[in-house]
Amino acid sequence: MVQAWHQPVATPPPTDGRGRPQLVLEILNTGEKIAVPAHREDGGFRAYDADRLAHRLRDTRTNNELPLDPELLDLVYQVQTHFKAGAIRVISGYRTRTPTGQSNHGRGRAIDIIVPGTKDEDVAQFVRSRGFVGVGLYPTSGFVHVDIRPQSYYWVDRSGPGQRNREQATLASEAAANDARATAAGRKAHRRWAEPSNDVAAVWGGGAVTPAASTDAEDQEDDLDEDP
């Protein structure tokens, strides 16, 4: 199954009138597929399309949905275009936040992905290079966790689907160096997380994700791996 997930997509992504690739997501849990146009070379998506994406990336166990942070969608688009992939395959997007849960999945700031035709290690390395990200490599389950956060943090987790996480932090010095390079290049640290809204206009207008104080513990991942 993991090998099948990584097989290249047979057709390239659709393009807009300028020849720019659209963001294409294949949702492995539901079999759904969606393509939305970007408005810049590095991303940029309309609130209308963000609402459509939120539905596709919903928590299928609860049917709850939350708009993904626009900075995360931009990052996923940059991954797709960097590797010239026909689509991004999604293991998990939004997951309903529990009272004690600290996962960025429950904040609309994380997604578990596969880039067809590309090694997970290469995907992880590219995302790390962007700075201000969380990157988790899951070699047994066969995907890469990607999130946005104010300070980079990387880990490897060799647990299998349905097993409790066995997260091991890694590459701390590289994380700090990548954040420093991102700052030097003019990229700003992602703002601290605040309580989300299920109103896409509020989230994308900044009303629901204004800067807020948080602790380092808020940026850890504490979920179980999931079967697609």
Foldseek 3Di string as FASTA:
>chain_A
DLLVQQAADPDAADADPVRAGWAWEQEPVPRDIDTAHADDNQGHGDLVVQLVVQQVQDAPVVSDTARAQRVQRSLSVVLCVVVSGRHKYWDHAADPDDPPFLECSNQNFKTKIHGHPDAQVVSQVVLLLLAQWEWEAAVQQNIIMIGGHQFYWYWYFPDHAPDWTPTDTDDNVSRVVSNVVNVVVPHHGDAHAADGDRDSCCSRVVNHGPHDDDDPVSHDHGDGHHDD
